[in-house]
Amino acid sequence: MAENTRVLIVGAGHNGLVAAGYLGRAGLNVQVLERRDVVGGAAVTEEWFPGYKISTCSYVCHILQQKVIDELELRKHGFHVYPIDPSRVHPFPNGKVITLWHDDARTAEELRKVSPEDADAWPEWADFWHRAVRILSGYYVGPPPSLAELTERFRREGEEELLETLLTVPYRDLIDRYFVSDEIKATVSISSMDMGDISAPGSAYITALYRYSAFREDTENFGIVRGGMGAISQSLARSAEAAGVSIRTGAEVRRILTRNGRAAGVELDDGEVIEADVVLSNADPKRTFLKLLDRADLDSETIEQVRALKTQSASAKFLCSLRELPDFSGHLGDGYDPEHLAMICLCPTVEHPERSWNDSRNGRIPDTPIMQVQIPTVYDKTVAPEGCHVLSLWVFFLPPHLREGSWSEMREQFGERLIDIVSGYAPNFRDAIIDWTLLTPEDIEERIGLTDGNIRHIDIIPQQMMSRRPLPGWSDYRTPIEGLYLCGAGTHPGGEVTGAPGHNAAHVVLEELGL
């Protein structure tokens, strides 16, 4: 009987909650165990300063799957998005600014102010990605295809050349192929921030996988979440509890127990043992296999494969409370719509991502950090006192650990550097800040439990995607240990708040149980 099947989910990050919701609806006896006192993992809203609530890590809803939203009835349980358009504003030190809209024709007209030639190229550029995303986005919800299956699908669609381009032409080369303006090249380069080296073969393929948001039709699900990103996790938790799922916080799992090669439950940090028929780990693959399992449960080859998984692309999150909005009138003009400040990208040149990536790989803090600026309070008034605001900076491509010194030693200096950079665009920024803090990669690892502070569990690179995520032969959410499954961002389709890994893992479990 389904109700007699005991399921434990390690970690109440959003994917763990998605999996719990589906398994609970199928009638299984499901309990979610979370080491912190709040659910959500990296999708959590916290009161960092009295009266100011900020999304701690994730910061925008852009590829949460429509299927998950609808089937788990998230809107019924409090999920609400303020759709944003423009999707992003990109100012430059020379005073120019590019605004990206959901409508391609409108974006092309914006580009015409900077480069008529590039404005003419935009429709062809957009069509290229529309075609790629139309095919690849269909693989978010469901098991990943093999390369042979993907090739056959593109062949049936008459898009063999498109796939060949994605797999062999570096994203940087594509940018140079389409555009001539330095500003427009910089603007589109940010679309591959998940990848890392935009000059590497396969970087265009990764870009296509993660451009889902830019070309999704349900734009009502793209935007600022009321109450911060933690509101997604809270709605998922309420949905799961309505299906009979038990969620227990303050319950840190010390290890996953096995018996005769099969998952048998968990032992908590206080020594309590909870038995189960099925265990799903929402922890990252390295934490799951190198810390939560006994060495005797895995052969040495498997341990070395997991240890070799790449987690080189870390990030930092700057959080602050503001007495007034940063003044971007030098770029946007007097009387600009404050809602245009919802998402701002600071990446002055197309070379900046490459420099940052190279610095990061060599254990250095980049001299030219690139960042996404988000001010959710231009839409969502619930997270700050009246008339005040919160702002966050997501800083890409940082070394998980510094070659010289430590992040704790560099935190203050790097935070001040970020304030200076933003102040170069909005001169009142420093004076507008009431209080601020910076979460370094090491802080994110300690607070959220992500190995090397990697928000996507393992790097988003071709060798760790689709049927190779997290490892070849493990892409179906099963593990070498019977009854143990992975359901987090370290599985297909990867990071970001999508709900897809949790959905997919849950359905594999249900299939195994014949439900």
Foldseek 3Di string as FASTA:
>chain_A
DQCPFEEEEEAQAPLSLLLLLVSLLVNHAYEYEAQAPAGHQQLAWDCPDVFFIARAHFFWQFFADPVSCPVLVLVVLPWAFDQAAPLEKEAALVQAIQTHGLDQLVSLVSCVVVPVQLSVLSVVVVVLLLVLLVLLVVQLFAAFDDPVVSCVVCVVVVNNVSVVCLQAAFQLVVLVVRDDDFQVSQVCLVLQLQAQASRDGNSSVLSSNRCCRSNPPPSSRTHGIAVGSNSSSSSSNVSSVVSVYHYDYSWAFQAFDDDPLATFFTATPVGDTDGGLFYEYQAFQCCHPVGRYDPVSDDPVVNVLSVPFAQQKAKKKKKFKFLADQDQCSRVNPPDQPSNQQKYWYGNGSCLSVQLSVCSVQQHHGPRWIWIKGWSCSPHVSRHPPNMTMMMIITIRHGLAHPPDGCVVCFVVVNVVVQVVVCSRRVCSVVGTPDMGMQHLVNSCVPSVAVSNRQFNGRSHVCCARCQQNHNPQQQQDDSRHNYGYQHQSHPPIGDNHSNSSSSNSVVVCVVVVD
